[in-house]
Amino acid sequence: MIKSYKLRRGLANTFIYILLAVLGIIWVSPLAYLVIQSFNTGKEQIPQTLLPMAYGFDNYIALFTNIGSLNFPRWYLNTFVVACFSCVISTISVLMVAYAFSRLRFKSRKKFINVGMILGMFPGFMTMIAIYYLLKAMGLTQTLVALVICYSAGAGLGFQISKGFFDTIPRALDEAATIDGANKNQIFWKIILPMSKPIVVYTVLTSFIGPWTDFILAKIIMGDARDNYTVAIGLQQMVSLEFKTRYFKQFLSGSVLVAVPVTILFLKMQSYYVEGVTAGGVKG
């Protein structure tokens, strides 16, 4: 009986491991191909073989020095600036809203929480056309300022995870600080935030990745203002019918460079990110 159970368990585990290995290979293969071919220095612009015949950094160098009318360095800088400003504004907004809903008790608090959660369920693309015409009325279309406004304006609606984390911090700390003469603002900045490093890191990462990788909203707002393109729009231009036969390998190199900052952030802050997600999911 025991041997039969162990045999069935061993076969089941073997099947699961094989399935996971196959899925892992399928998931990693496109990424591996992209990285390998980005170093392809062959004459053909669109690679015809799985592995390059020659390797080098020519594509990366050409991406910043010789790519005609496609100004990748400008696009990279645009994306970095928009992502940084949006990240700072969004992080502060999310944390302050989450703290208010977690610690303060005021009239219609529950209603505001419910409204925020309901609005957060609607997909963002439903409002993109309306946002475009609002920005056009204000004269902000085709500007980086418009992107920062769009990415950070509604960030406070994503307060649920941060609120759940703040709920786990004992309220006795707030009461002790209040007795010592601290107000709500001082409690938030000097007591709660220093104790909330995991959720701050989580919020920073999510607030940075959104603007860094977004394509649809940026494309709608920027139109044909090529100098103000973000990296996502620029990479799409490289594989358009007009440019793909000339800049496909540069597109691969650009895709690798786009992934570098996000990968570094995750590797450096992975433990805090996981802790913030798990702790924030304890209470709602």
C-alpha atoms as a PDB file:
ATOM      1  CA  MET A   1       0.000   0.000   0.000  1.00  0.00           C
ATOM      2  CA  ILE A   2       2.743   2.430   1.007  1.00  0.00           C
ATOM      3  CA  LYS A   3       4.884   1.454  -1.987  1.00  0.00           C
ATOM      4  CA  SER A   4       1.935   1.962  -4.332  1.00  0.00           C
ATOM      5  CA  TYR A   5       1.275   5.416  -2.867  1.00  0.00           C
ATOM      6  CA  LYS A   6       4.935   6.395  -3.195  1.00  0.00           C
ATOM      7  CA  LEU A   7       4.977   5.166  -6.795  1.00  0.00           C
ATOM      8  CA  ARG A   8       1.879   7.189  -7.727  1.00  0.00           C
ATOM      9  CA  ARG A   9       3.271  10.232  -5.953  1.00  0.00           C
ATOM     10  CA  GLY A  10       6.616   9.870  -7.727  1.00  0.00           C
ATOM     11  CA  LEU A  11       4.938   9.579 -11.130  1.00  0.00           C
ATOM     12  CA  ALA A  12       2.734  12.586 -10.426  1.00  0.00           C
ATOM     13  CA  ASN A  13       5.727  14.690  -9.332  1.00  0.00           C
ATOM     14  CA  THR A  14       7.694  13.589 -12.388  1.00  0.00           C
ATOM     15  CA  PHE A  15       4.836  14.613 -14.689  1.00  0.00           C
ATOM     16  CA  ILE A  16       4.486  17.981 -12.940  1.00  0.00           C
ATOM     17  CA  TYR A  17       8.236  18.683 -13.177  1.00  0.00           C
ATOM     18  CA  ILE A  18       8.326  17.762 -16.861  1.00  0.00           C
ATOM     19  CA  LEU A  19       5.307  19.968 -17.559  1.00  0.00           C
ATOM     20  CA  LEU A  20       6.849  22.891 -15.666  1.00  0.00           C
ATOM     21  CA  ALA A  21      10.161  22.422 -17.495  1.00  0.00           C
ATOM     22  CA  VAL A  22       8.399  22.461 -20.892  1.00  0.00           C
ATOM     23  CA  LEU A  23       6.406  25.574 -19.963  1.00  0.00           C
ATOM     24  CA  GLY A  24       9.599  27.227 -18.676  1.00  0.00           C
ATOM     25  CA  ILE A  25      11.405  26.520 -21.949  1.00  0.00           C
ATOM     26  CA  ILE A  26       8.477  27.897 -23.958  1.00  0.00           C
ATOM     27  CA  TRP A  27       8.442  31.052 -21.816  1.00  0.00           C
ATOM     28  CA  VAL A  28      12.210  31.620 -21.870  1.00  0.00           C
ATOM     29  CA  SER A  29      12.852  30.781 -25.554  1.00  0.00           C
ATOM     30  CA  PRO A  30      11.630  34.097 -27.066  1.00  0.00           C
ATOM     31  CA  LEU A  31      13.609  36.061 -24.487  1.00  0.00           C
ATOM     32  CA  ALA A  32      16.753  34.021 -25.152  1.00  0.00           C
ATOM     33  CA  TYR A  33      16.326  34.467 -28.913  1.00  0.00           C
ATOM     34  CA  LEU A  34      15.896  38.214 -28.489  1.00  0.00           C
ATOM     35  CA  VAL A  35      19.049  38.580 -26.368  1.00  0.00           C
ATOM     36  CA  ILE A  36      21.193  36.330 -28.571  1.00  0.00           C
ATOM     37  CA  GLN A  37      20.127  37.918 -31.861  1.00  0.00           C
ATOM     38  CA  SER A  38      20.697  41.416 -30.454  1.00  0.00           C
ATOM     39  CA  PHE A  39      24.432  40.613 -30.690  1.00  0.00           C
ATOM     40  CA  ASN A  40      24.139  39.340 -34.261  1.00  0.00           C
ATOM     41  CA  THR A  41      26.619  41.196 -36.494  1.00  0.00           C
ATOM     42  CA  GLY A  42      25.783  39.338 -39.690  1.00  0.00           C
ATOM     43  CA  LYS A  43      25.024  41.168 -42.947  1.00  0.00           C
ATOM     44  CA  GLU A  44      21.333  40.224 -43.077  1.00  0.00           C
ATOM     45  CA  GLN A  45      19.134  42.671 -41.142  1.00  0.00           C
ATOM     46  CA  ILE A  46      16.453  40.079 -40.341  1.00  0.00           C
ATOM     47  CA  PRO A  47      18.189  36.965 -38.912  1.00  0.00           C
ATOM     48  CA  GLN A  48      17.665  33.797 -40.936  1.00  0.00           C
ATOM     49  CA  THR A  49      19.259  31.343 -38.489  1.00  0.00           C
ATOM     50  CA  LEU A  50      18.507  30.459 -34.895  1.00  0.00           C
ATOM     51  CA  LEU A  51      22.049  31.289 -33.753  1.00  0.00           C
ATOM     52  CA  PRO A  52      24.173  34.122 -35.223  1.00  0.00           C
ATOM     53  CA  MET A  53      27.331  33.370 -37.184  1.00  0.00           C
ATOM     54  CA  ALA A  54      29.120  36.376 -35.661  1.00  0.00           C
ATOM     55  CA  TYR A  55      28.689  38.243 -32.401  1.00  0.00           C
ATOM     56  CA  GLY A  56      29.423  41.817 -31.396  1.00  0.00           C
ATOM     57  CA  PHE A  57      28.064  45.089 -30.005  1.00  0.00           C
ATOM     58  CA  ASP A  58      27.542  46.741 -33.383  1.00  0.00           C
ATOM     59  CA  ASN A  59      23.748  46.834 -33.034  1.00  0.00           C
ATOM     60  CA  TYR A  60      23.930  48.527 -29.638  1.00  0.00           C
ATOM     61  CA  ILE A  61      26.434  51.074 -30.908  1.00  0.00           C
ATOM     62  CA  ALA A  62      24.328  51.793 -34.008  1.00  0.00           C
ATOM     63  CA  LEU A  63      21.275  52.232 -31.803  1.00  0.00           C
ATOM     64  CA  PHE A  64      22.836  55.335 -30.228  1.00  0.00           C
ATOM     65  CA  THR A  65      24.979  56.631 -33.069  1.00  0.00           C
ATOM     66  CA  ASN A  66      23.611  55.719 -36.493  1.00  0.00           C
ATOM     67  CA  ILE A  67      19.913  55.039 -36.828  1.00  0.00           C
ATOM     68  CA  GLY A  68      18.777  57.789 -39.181  1.00  0.00           C
ATOM     69  CA  SER A  69      15.586  59.609 -38.256  1.00  0.00           C
ATOM     70  CA  LEU A  70      14.813  57.251 -35.344  1.00  0.00           C
ATOM     71  CA  ASN A  71      16.240  58.996 -32.297  1.00  0.00           C
ATOM     72  CA  PHE A  72      16.458  56.141 -29.779  1.00  0.00           C
ATOM     73  CA  PRO A  73      18.554  58.030 -27.167  1.00  0.00           C
ATOM     74  CA  ARG A  74      15.915  60.789 -27.069  1.00  0.00           C
ATOM     75  CA  TRP A  75      13.115  58.235 -26.707  1.00  0.00           C
ATOM     76  CA  TYR A  76      14.959  56.441 -23.924  1.00  0.00           C
ATOM     77  CA  LEU A  77      15.497  59.708 -22.073  1.00  0.00           C
ATOM     78  CA  ASN A  78      11.847  60.722 -22.571  1.00  0.00           C
ATOM     79  CA  THR A  79      10.661  57.433 -21.108  1.00  0.00           C
ATOM     80  CA  PHE A  80      13.042  57.665 -18.162  1.00  0.00           C
ATOM     81  CA  VAL A  81      11.955  61.217 -17.307  1.00  0.00           C
ATOM     82  CA  VAL A  82       8.240  60.404 -17.577  1.00  0.00           C
ATOM     83  CA  ALA A  83       8.638  57.187 -15.560  1.00  0.00           C
ATOM     84  CA  CYS A  84      10.610  58.910 -12.781  1.00  0.00           C
ATOM     85  CA  PHE A  85       8.220  61.852 -12.361  1.00  0.00           C
ATOM     86  CA  SER A  86       5.166  59.587 -12.565  1.00  0.00           C
ATOM     87  CA  CYS A  87       6.748  57.186 -10.075  1.00  0.00           C
ATOM     88  CA  VAL A  88       7.387  59.899  -7.465  1.00  0.00           C
ATOM     89  CA  ILE A  89       3.933  61.468  -7.790  1.00  0.00           C
ATOM     90  CA  SER A  90       2.106  58.132  -7.914  1.00  0.00           C
ATOM     91  CA  THR A  91       3.996  56.681  -4.953  1.00  0.00           C
ATOM     92  CA  ILE A  92       3.243  59.654  -2.724  1.00  0.00           C
ATOM     93  CA  SER A  93      -0.390  59.720  -3.857  1.00  0.00           C
ATOM     94  CA  VAL A  94      -0.983  55.997  -3.292  1.00  0.00           C
ATOM     95  CA  LEU A  95       0.666  55.925   0.129  1.00  0.00           C
ATOM     96  CA  MET A  96      -1.155  59.004   1.393  1.00  0.00           C
ATOM     97  CA  VAL A  97      -4.565  57.775   0.209  1.00  0.00           C
ATOM     98  CA  ALA A  98      -3.896  54.334   1.689  1.00  0.00           C
ATOM     99  CA  TYR A  99      -2.853  55.855   5.023  1.00  0.00           C
ATOM    100  CA  ALA A 100      -5.963  58.048   5.134  1.00  0.00           C
ATOM    101  CA  PHE A 101      -8.298  55.105   4.533  1.00  0.00           C
ATOM    102  CA  SER A 102      -6.400  52.877   6.942  1.00  0.00           C
ATOM    103  CA  ARG A 103      -5.962  55.224   9.896  1.00  0.00           C
ATOM    104  CA  LEU A 104      -8.511  58.020   9.662  1.00  0.00           C
ATOM    105  CA  ARG A 105     -12.212  57.650  10.411  1.00  0.00           C
ATOM    106  CA  PHE A 106     -14.466  60.133   8.653  1.00  0.00           C
ATOM    107  CA  LYS A 107     -17.940  60.352   7.174  1.00  0.00           C
ATOM    108  CA  SER A 108     -18.541  58.302   4.006  1.00  0.00           C
ATOM    109  CA  ARG A 109     -15.154  56.567   4.383  1.00  0.00           C
ATOM    110  CA  LYS A 110     -16.575  53.195   3.399  1.00  0.00           C
ATOM    111  CA  LYS A 111     -18.394  54.696   0.433  1.00  0.00           C
ATOM    112  CA  PHE A 112     -15.202  56.300  -0.861  1.00  0.00           C
ATOM    113  CA  ILE A 113     -13.352  52.985  -0.515  1.00  0.00           C
ATOM    114  CA  ASN A 114     -16.077  51.153  -2.428  1.00  0.00           C
ATOM    115  CA  VAL A 115     -16.208  53.795  -5.150  1.00  0.00           C
ATOM    116  CA  GLY A 116     -12.432  53.639  -5.515  1.00  0.00           C
ATOM    117  CA  MET A 117     -12.482  49.863  -5.839  1.00  0.00           C
ATOM    118  CA  ILE A 118     -15.303  49.961  -8.413  1.00  0.00           C
ATOM    119  CA  LEU A 119     -13.553  52.587 -10.532  1.00  0.00           C
ATOM    120  CA  GLY A 120     -10.358  50.556 -10.379  1.00  0.00           C
ATOM    121  CA  MET A 121     -12.141  47.618 -12.002  1.00  0.00           C
ATOM    122  CA  PHE A 122     -12.784  49.503 -15.249  1.00  0.00           C
ATOM    123  CA  PRO A 123     -10.045  48.968 -17.868  1.00  0.00           C
ATOM    124  CA  GLY A 124      -8.040  52.082 -18.630  1.00  0.00           C
ATOM    125  CA  PHE A 125      -8.514  51.992 -22.399  1.00  0.00           C
ATOM    126  CA  MET A 126     -12.214  52.853 -21.957  1.00  0.00           C
ATOM    127  CA  THR A 127     -11.316  56.448 -21.084  1.00  0.00           C
ATOM    128  CA  MET A 128      -8.393  57.028 -23.447  1.00  0.00           C
ATOM    129  CA  ILE A 129     -10.348  58.879 -26.135  1.00  0.00           C
ATOM    130  CA  ALA A 130     -12.011  61.140 -23.571  1.00  0.00           C
ATOM    131  CA  ILE A 131      -8.621  61.826 -21.970  1.00  0.00           C
ATOM    132  CA  TYR A 132      -7.174  62.723 -25.353  1.00  0.00           C
ATOM    133  CA  TYR A 133      -9.858  65.326 -26.061  1.00  0.00           C
ATOM    134  CA  LEU A 134      -9.500  66.793 -22.558  1.00  0.00           C
ATOM    135  CA  LEU A 135      -5.761  67.155 -23.067  1.00  0.00           C
ATOM    136  CA  LYS A 136      -6.360  68.632 -26.527  1.00  0.00           C
ATOM    137  CA  ALA A 137      -8.696  71.237 -25.027  1.00  0.00           C
ATOM    138  CA  MET A 138      -5.933  72.191 -22.576  1.00  0.00           C
ATOM    139  CA  GLY A 139      -3.252  72.239 -25.291  1.00  0.00           C
ATOM    140  CA  LEU A 140      -1.249  69.420 -23.717  1.00  0.00           C
ATOM    141  CA  THR A 141      -1.356  66.777 -26.455  1.00  0.00           C
ATOM    142  CA  GLN A 142       1.990  65.550 -27.811  1.00  0.00           C
ATOM    143  CA  THR A 143       3.814  66.602 -24.635  1.00  0.00           C
ATOM    144  CA  LEU A 144       5.599  64.642 -21.927  1.00  0.00           C
ATOM    145  CA  VAL A 145       3.685  66.613 -19.296  1.00  0.00           C
ATOM    146  CA  ALA A 146       0.469  65.029 -20.557  1.00  0.00           C
ATOM    147  CA  LEU A 147       1.911  61.558 -20.023  1.00  0.00           C
ATOM    148  CA  VAL A 148       2.977  62.374 -16.462  1.00  0.00           C
ATOM    149  CA  ILE A 149      -0.492  63.730 -15.688  1.00  0.00           C
ATOM    150  CA  CYS A 150      -2.235  60.669 -17.131  1.00  0.00           C
ATOM    151  CA  TYR A 151      -0.020  58.139 -15.379  1.00  0.00           C
ATOM    152  CA  SER A 152      -0.136  59.800 -11.950  1.00  0.00           C
ATOM    153  CA  ALA A 153      -3.586  61.445 -11.805  1.00  0.00           C
ATOM    154  CA  GLY A 154      -5.526  58.292 -10.978  1.00  0.00           C
ATOM    155  CA  ALA A 155      -2.763  56.504  -9.085  1.00  0.00           C
ATOM    156  CA  GLY A 156      -4.522  56.951  -5.749  1.00  0.00           C
ATOM    157  CA  LEU A 157      -7.181  54.436  -6.821  1.00  0.00           C
ATOM    158  CA  GLY A 158      -4.590  51.685  -6.419  1.00  0.00           C
ATOM    159  CA  PHE A 159      -4.541  52.046  -2.641  1.00  0.00           C
ATOM    160  CA  GLN A 160      -5.830  48.567  -1.717  1.00  0.00           C
ATOM    161  CA  ILE A 161      -2.494  46.761  -1.284  1.00  0.00           C
ATOM    162  CA  SER A 162      -0.897  49.647   0.615  1.00  0.00           C
ATOM    163  CA  LYS A 163      -3.959  50.018   2.839  1.00  0.00           C
ATOM    164  CA  GLY A 164      -3.783  46.330   3.683  1.00  0.00           C
ATOM    165  CA  PHE A 165      -0.159  46.773   4.741  1.00  0.00           C
ATOM    166  CA  PHE A 166      -0.889  49.832   6.883  1.00  0.00           C
ATOM    167  CA  ASP A 167      -3.710  47.901   8.567  1.00  0.00           C
ATOM    168  CA  THR A 168      -1.105  45.441   9.907  1.00  0.00           C
ATOM    169  CA  ILE A 169       0.819  48.197  11.738  1.00  0.00           C
ATOM    170  CA  PRO A 170      -0.428  48.463  15.347  1.00  0.00           C
ATOM    171  CA  ARG A 171      -2.545  51.537  15.992  1.00  0.00           C
ATOM    172  CA  ALA A 172      -0.925  51.770  19.417  1.00  0.00           C
ATOM    173  CA  LEU A 173       2.032  53.469  17.724  1.00  0.00           C
ATOM    174  CA  ASP A 174      -0.263  56.232  16.436  1.00  0.00           C
ATOM    175  CA  GLU A 175      -1.833  56.651  19.860  1.00  0.00           C
ATOM    176  CA  ALA A 176       1.549  56.861  21.585  1.00  0.00           C
ATOM    177  CA  ALA A 177       2.764  59.461  19.066  1.00  0.00           C
ATOM    178  CA  THR A 178      -0.445  61.468  19.519  1.00  0.00           C
ATOM    179  CA  ILE A 179       0.084  61.518  23.289  1.00  0.00           C
ATOM    180  CA  ASP A 180       3.611  62.840  22.667  1.00  0.00           C
ATOM    181  CA  GLY A 181       2.128  65.713  20.634  1.00  0.00           C
ATOM    182  CA  ALA A 182       2.553  64.459  17.063  1.00  0.00           C
ATOM    183  CA  ASN A 183      -0.124  65.266  14.499  1.00  0.00           C
ATOM    184  CA  LYS A 184      -1.351  62.974  11.703  1.00  0.00           C
ATOM    185  CA  ASN A 185       1.097  64.411   9.192  1.00  0.00           C
ATOM    186  CA  GLN A 186       4.084  63.797  11.463  1.00  0.00           C
ATOM    187  CA  ILE A 187       2.888  60.292  12.312  1.00  0.00           C
ATOM    188  CA  PHE A 188       2.661  59.425   8.615  1.00  0.00           C
ATOM    189  CA  TRP A 189       6.058  60.766   7.545  1.00  0.00           C
ATOM    190  CA  LYS A 190       8.146  60.032  10.655  1.00  0.00           C
ATOM    191  CA  ILE A 191       6.632  56.826  12.050  1.00  0.00           C
ATOM    192  CA  ILE A 192       4.504  54.913   9.539  1.00  0.00           C
ATOM    193  CA  LEU A 193       6.609  55.372   6.387  1.00  0.00           C
ATOM    194  CA  PRO A 194       9.952  54.385   7.981  1.00  0.00           C
ATOM    195  CA  MET A 195       8.276  51.159   9.117  1.00  0.00           C
ATOM    196  CA  SER A 196       6.737  50.491   5.677  1.00  0.00           C
ATOM    197  CA  LYS A 197       9.781  49.910   3.488  1.00  0.00           C
ATOM    198  CA  PRO A 198       8.354  46.771   1.781  1.00  0.00           C
ATOM    199  CA  ILE A 199       5.154  48.480   0.644  1.00  0.00           C
ATOM    200  CA  VAL A 200       7.037  51.626  -0.381  1.00  0.00           C
ATOM    201  CA  VAL A 201       9.338  49.514  -2.565  1.00  0.00           C
ATOM    202  CA  TYR A 202       6.363  47.656  -4.030  1.00  0.00           C
ATOM    203  CA  THR A 203       4.599  50.924  -4.847  1.00  0.00           C
ATOM    204  CA  VAL A 204       7.732  52.436  -6.382  1.00  0.00           C
ATOM    205  CA  LEU A 205       8.258  49.411  -8.627  1.00  0.00           C
ATOM    206  CA  THR A 206       4.675  49.233  -9.858  1.00  0.00           C
ATOM    207  CA  SER A 207       4.523  53.015 -10.366  1.00  0.00           C
ATOM    208  CA  PHE A 208       7.729  52.950 -12.425  1.00  0.00           C
ATOM    209  CA  ILE A 209       6.980  49.910 -14.583  1.00  0.00           C
ATOM    210  CA  GLY A 210       3.616  51.193 -15.844  1.00  0.00           C
ATOM    211  CA  PRO A 211       4.908  54.363 -17.572  1.00  0.00           C
ATOM    212  CA  TRP A 212       8.115  52.596 -18.611  1.00  0.00           C
ATOM    213  CA  THR A 213       6.333  49.907 -20.633  1.00  0.00           C
ATOM    214  CA  ASP A 214       3.086  51.595 -21.711  1.00  0.00           C
ATOM    215  CA  PHE A 215       2.371  51.840 -25.423  1.00  0.00           C
ATOM    216  CA  ILE A 216      -1.326  52.440 -26.151  1.00  0.00           C
ATOM    217  CA  LEU A 217      -1.921  55.629 -24.136  1.00  0.00           C
ATOM    218  CA  ALA A 218       1.437  57.121 -25.120  1.00  0.00           C
ATOM    219  CA  LYS A 219       0.731  56.430 -28.790  1.00  0.00           C
ATOM    220  CA  ILE A 220      -2.690  58.094 -28.639  1.00  0.00           C
ATOM    221  CA  ILE A 221      -1.364  61.214 -26.902  1.00  0.00           C
ATOM    222  CA  MET A 222       1.838  61.645 -28.925  1.00  0.00           C
ATOM    223  CA  GLY A 223       0.420  61.154 -32.408  1.00  0.00           C
ATOM    224  CA  ASP A 224       3.157  62.007 -34.903  1.00  0.00           C
ATOM    225  CA  ALA A 225       5.384  64.024 -32.521  1.00  0.00           C
ATOM    226  CA  ARG A 226       8.366  61.736 -33.110  1.00  0.00           C
ATOM    227  CA  ASP A 227      10.801  63.638 -30.866  1.00  0.00           C
ATOM    228  CA  ASN A 228       8.517  63.096 -27.873  1.00  0.00           C
ATOM    229  CA  TYR A 229       8.008  59.381 -28.444  1.00  0.00           C
ATOM    230  CA  THR A 230       8.631  56.959 -25.621  1.00  0.00           C
ATOM    231  CA  VAL A 231      10.684  53.792 -26.052  1.00  0.00           C
ATOM    232  CA  ALA A 232       7.624  51.599 -26.577  1.00  0.00           C
ATOM    233  CA  ILE A 233       6.417  53.730 -29.508  1.00  0.00           C
ATOM    234  CA  GLY A 234       9.946  53.992 -30.898  1.00  0.00           C
ATOM    235  CA  LEU A 235      10.456  50.239 -30.893  1.00  0.00           C
ATOM    236  CA  GLN A 236       7.137  49.798 -32.661  1.00  0.00           C
ATOM    237  CA  GLN A 237       8.344  52.245 -35.316  1.00  0.00           C
ATOM    238  CA  MET A 238      11.481  50.143 -35.872  1.00  0.00           C
ATOM    239  CA  VAL A 239       9.434  47.108 -36.885  1.00  0.00           C
ATOM    240  CA  SER A 240       6.952  49.046 -39.011  1.00  0.00           C
ATOM    241  CA  LEU A 241       6.836  48.375 -42.753  1.00  0.00           C
ATOM    242  CA  GLU A 242       8.945  51.456 -43.392  1.00  0.00           C
ATOM    243  CA  PHE A 243      11.905  50.529 -41.170  1.00  0.00           C
ATOM    244  CA  LYS A 244      11.868  46.821 -40.274  1.00  0.00           C
ATOM    245  CA  THR A 245      14.174  45.756 -43.118  1.00  0.00           C
ATOM    246  CA  ARG A 246      16.761  48.291 -41.929  1.00  0.00           C
ATOM    247  CA  TYR A 247      16.536  48.344 -38.146  1.00  0.00           C
ATOM    248  CA  PHE A 248      15.232  44.954 -37.003  1.00  0.00           C
ATOM    249  CA  LYS A 249      18.420  43.977 -35.162  1.00  0.00           C
ATOM    250  CA  GLN A 250      18.539  47.438 -33.570  1.00  0.00           C
ATOM    251  CA  PHE A 251      14.976  46.785 -32.446  1.00  0.00           C
ATOM    252  CA  LEU A 252      16.173  43.622 -30.686  1.00  0.00           C
ATOM    253  CA  SER A 253      18.971  45.550 -28.985  1.00  0.00           C
ATOM    254  CA  GLY A 254      16.567  48.282 -27.913  1.00  0.00           C
ATOM    255  CA  SER A 255      14.209  45.686 -26.434  1.00  0.00           C
ATOM    256  CA  VAL A 256      17.058  44.331 -24.316  1.00  0.00           C
ATOM    257  CA  LEU A 257      17.963  47.821 -23.087  1.00  0.00           C
ATOM    258  CA  VAL A 258      14.344  48.492 -22.127  1.00  0.00           C
ATOM    259  CA  ALA A 259      14.348  45.409 -19.903  1.00  0.00           C
ATOM    260  CA  VAL A 260      17.616  46.293 -18.127  1.00  0.00           C
ATOM    261  CA  PRO A 261      16.371  48.960 -15.627  1.00  0.00           C
ATOM    262  CA  VAL A 262      13.291  46.955 -14.625  1.00  0.00           C
ATOM    263  CA  THR A 263      15.334  43.765 -14.233  1.00  0.00           C
ATOM    264  CA  ILE A 264      17.904  45.518 -12.042  1.00  0.00           C
ATOM    265  CA  LEU A 265      15.177  47.036  -9.866  1.00  0.00           C
ATOM    266  CA  PHE A 266      13.505  43.664  -9.349  1.00  0.00           C
ATOM    267  CA  LEU A 267      16.773  41.885  -8.562  1.00  0.00           C
ATOM    268  CA  LYS A 268      17.776  44.529  -6.021  1.00  0.00           C
ATOM    269  CA  MET A 269      14.359  44.834  -4.365  1.00  0.00           C
ATOM    270  CA  GLN A 270      12.812  41.403  -4.882  1.00  0.00           C
ATOM    271  CA  SER A 271      12.600  40.497  -1.192  1.00  0.00           C
ATOM    272  CA  TYR A 272      10.904  43.796  -0.316  1.00  0.00           C
ATOM    273  CA  TYR A 273       8.536  43.435  -3.282  1.00  0.00           C
ATOM    274  CA  VAL A 274       7.339  39.974  -2.221  1.00  0.00           C
ATOM    275  CA  GLU A 275       7.030  41.052   1.417  1.00  0.00           C
ATOM    276  CA  GLY A 276       4.982  44.091   0.425  1.00  0.00           C
ATOM    277  CA  VAL A 277       2.577  42.041  -1.705  1.00  0.00           C
ATOM    278  CA  THR A 278       2.049  39.323   0.907  1.00  0.00           C
ATOM    279  CA  ALA A 279       1.711  41.717   3.843  1.00  0.00           C
ATOM    280  CA  GLY A 280      -0.617  43.986   1.900  1.00  0.00           C
ATOM    281  CA  GLY A 281      -2.945  41.098   1.162  1.00  0.00           C
ATOM    282  CA  VAL A 282      -3.549  40.232   4.823  1.00  0.00           C
ATOM    283  CA  LYS A 283      -6.339  42.767   5.381  1.00  0.00           C
ATOM    284  CA  GLY A 284      -8.565  44.762   3.036  1.00  0.00           C
END
